[in-house]
Amino acid sequence: MNKDVIYIDVEDDVTAITGKVKDAKEKVVALVPPKRTGALQSAVNLRILQRTAKNAGKHLVLITNDQSLIPLAAGAGLPIAKNLQTKPEVPEIAALQVDDDDDIIDGSLLPVGEHAASTDRTKQAAKHIPVTSAATPEKKSYAKPPQGDESPRKSKVAGKVPNFSSFRKKLIFIILGVLLLIGFLVWAIFFAPHATVTITAKTSDERISTALTVGTALTTNVDNATIKAVQVQTKEESSVEFAATGTEEQGERATGTMEITRTSIGARPISIPVGTGFSSGDYTYTTTESATLGGTEIGEGDIVQDTVKVGVRAVNIGGEYNLSARDYDATVRGVEASGSAMSGGSKKTVKIVTQADVQKASEQIAAKNSDEIKAALKKKFPSSVKAIDSSFRTGQAETAAAPEVGKEAPDGNATLTSSVTYLMDGISTSELEKYIEAAAKSRVSQESDQRVYESGVAEAQLADFAANEAGGTVNLTAVAQVGPEIKDNDIKNRVKTKRFGDIQEDLKSIQGVDDVDVKFFPFWVNTVPEDTNKITVKFNLDRASANDE
């Protein structure tokens, strides 16, 4: 396996060595220390090098025979090799040898003088021991002395040393438990209590049916019957191939020359303007250039008339105008004409694109894409906007037919490319709800002490949209729920600090209230908190038709 060899200088510190390890290209990096080990004579530095190599995805090997480095490398888990060719191994840490014999004192090895002194002291101490009882003293059991080469057993420790780390952990857990208990009690007594009062009130329907003017520039106003609208739009590029149904005869007009000779006698010249006609039966040709015939001149023995030759072209296309040379009748008096053979006339019937074809293709594009585009536009509205389905319409449209209208469709087919802007209007749920509530309140008498509980905006219908300059008009149909006026704050003030039974008895006395329910949280709470912010009032509607009231 390839490896990088790094030779360490005596002056290199651990930072320089780690940099060299990181810069190594091979996975295996061999460190060759100097004779004076320097920065490697530290277990901490060796661990840093080993950690750096692992983080860099490299395997570090120390090349050394230094006996002082081997234990340090073993502690850091760093493999060692004697040279670059030998297999690296992690050295083992030698176990400590404990010599139990060092703790044993053999009395036979003591000097005689010491034995004698010890014996005298024992006798002296025995003389001063008082005799407390004449009874035979109880024999005490002693451990057997070691026999032969058996090593003596160590005496058992009389008591364990306290583990202060374990005691500290237990103390921390006890303190945390006490703090959590105190926090829970504070939360349970001062913050947790909450009450939800649910009142079932009897309501009646208030039907709203009106025409509205909607527009993005308008503001919601019940008196003016206007409501602010939201508009989305999209531009779609579409194309469709269609058949050209128009026909047209196309071709070339025959051309030739016409020799015109003056027949009238007179000094005044005769003008032949462009477009002068010359006919032979049903075929007429017109001049393509102007000419002038001079006046009559008297020659030797006879008069001399002027003659000119001009180009002519058939008035219509078709091969039937390719006539042979012949005389023609002129539309100008006082001249006669003789035409050359006419040629170049041709005619064919071709398919052309008509305006009706383009209109029909446009309708096909609209029918093809309308459902998909309408669904895509509705998705553009956020969930807080109610779309007006009938407001889907086209705005600016740009169409281009190829070939153009009136042009030949060589194979009888043409393509229409359309760029159309589609529009759809919607009304924000909040704006619609505000309008319905205001409309319902305006119909409820102030003396009846009624309020709107539900606007019915979720089931409101918006139909029959008609676009105009302001935006459009739409018919709104909604059913609001109207019931007795019960204010949330009044209820909160009436129920605070009361129990379930007292609350039911009090609130059921209000006209229009059918039922009252109270939910307490947590389960041990049975009294409504005094703080009104911890009281929630909900209303359930017992809907009744107009006939029930």
Foldseek 3Di string as FASTA:
>chain_A
DDEAEDEDDLPDALVNVLVVLLPTDDQEYEYEADPPRHNLLDLVSLLVSCVSSVVSNHAYEYADPDPSNLQSQLVSVHWYDPDPPDDTDNDDDDDDDDDLVVVDDDPVPDDPVVVVVVVVVVVVVVVPDDDPDPDDDDDDDDDDDDPDPDRDDDDDDPDDDDDVVVVVVVVVVVVVVVVVVVVVVCCVPPPFKFKEKEFAFAWEKDKDKDKAAEFCPDPQDQVNRYHYKDKDKDKDKDKDKFFFDDKDKDFFWWKFKKKKKFQDADQQKDKQAFQWWWDDVPWIKTFRHIDIWGHWAQDVPGIDTGMDMTMITTPDAAPVNQAAWAWTDTPDPRMTMTIHGIDRGHIDMFGFHAPVRQVVRVVVVCVVCVVVVLVVRVVPDPPQKAWASAQKDKDDKDKDKVVHGPDGDHVRMIMMIMIIMIMTMIHGLVRVLVNQQVVSVVPDDPVVQKHWPFSQSVVKHWYDWDQDPRGTMTIIIGITIMGHHDDLVVLLQVQAFHFDVVSFVVVVVDPRTDGMDMDIPPPVDGGHHNDSVSYHYHYHYPYDYPVVD
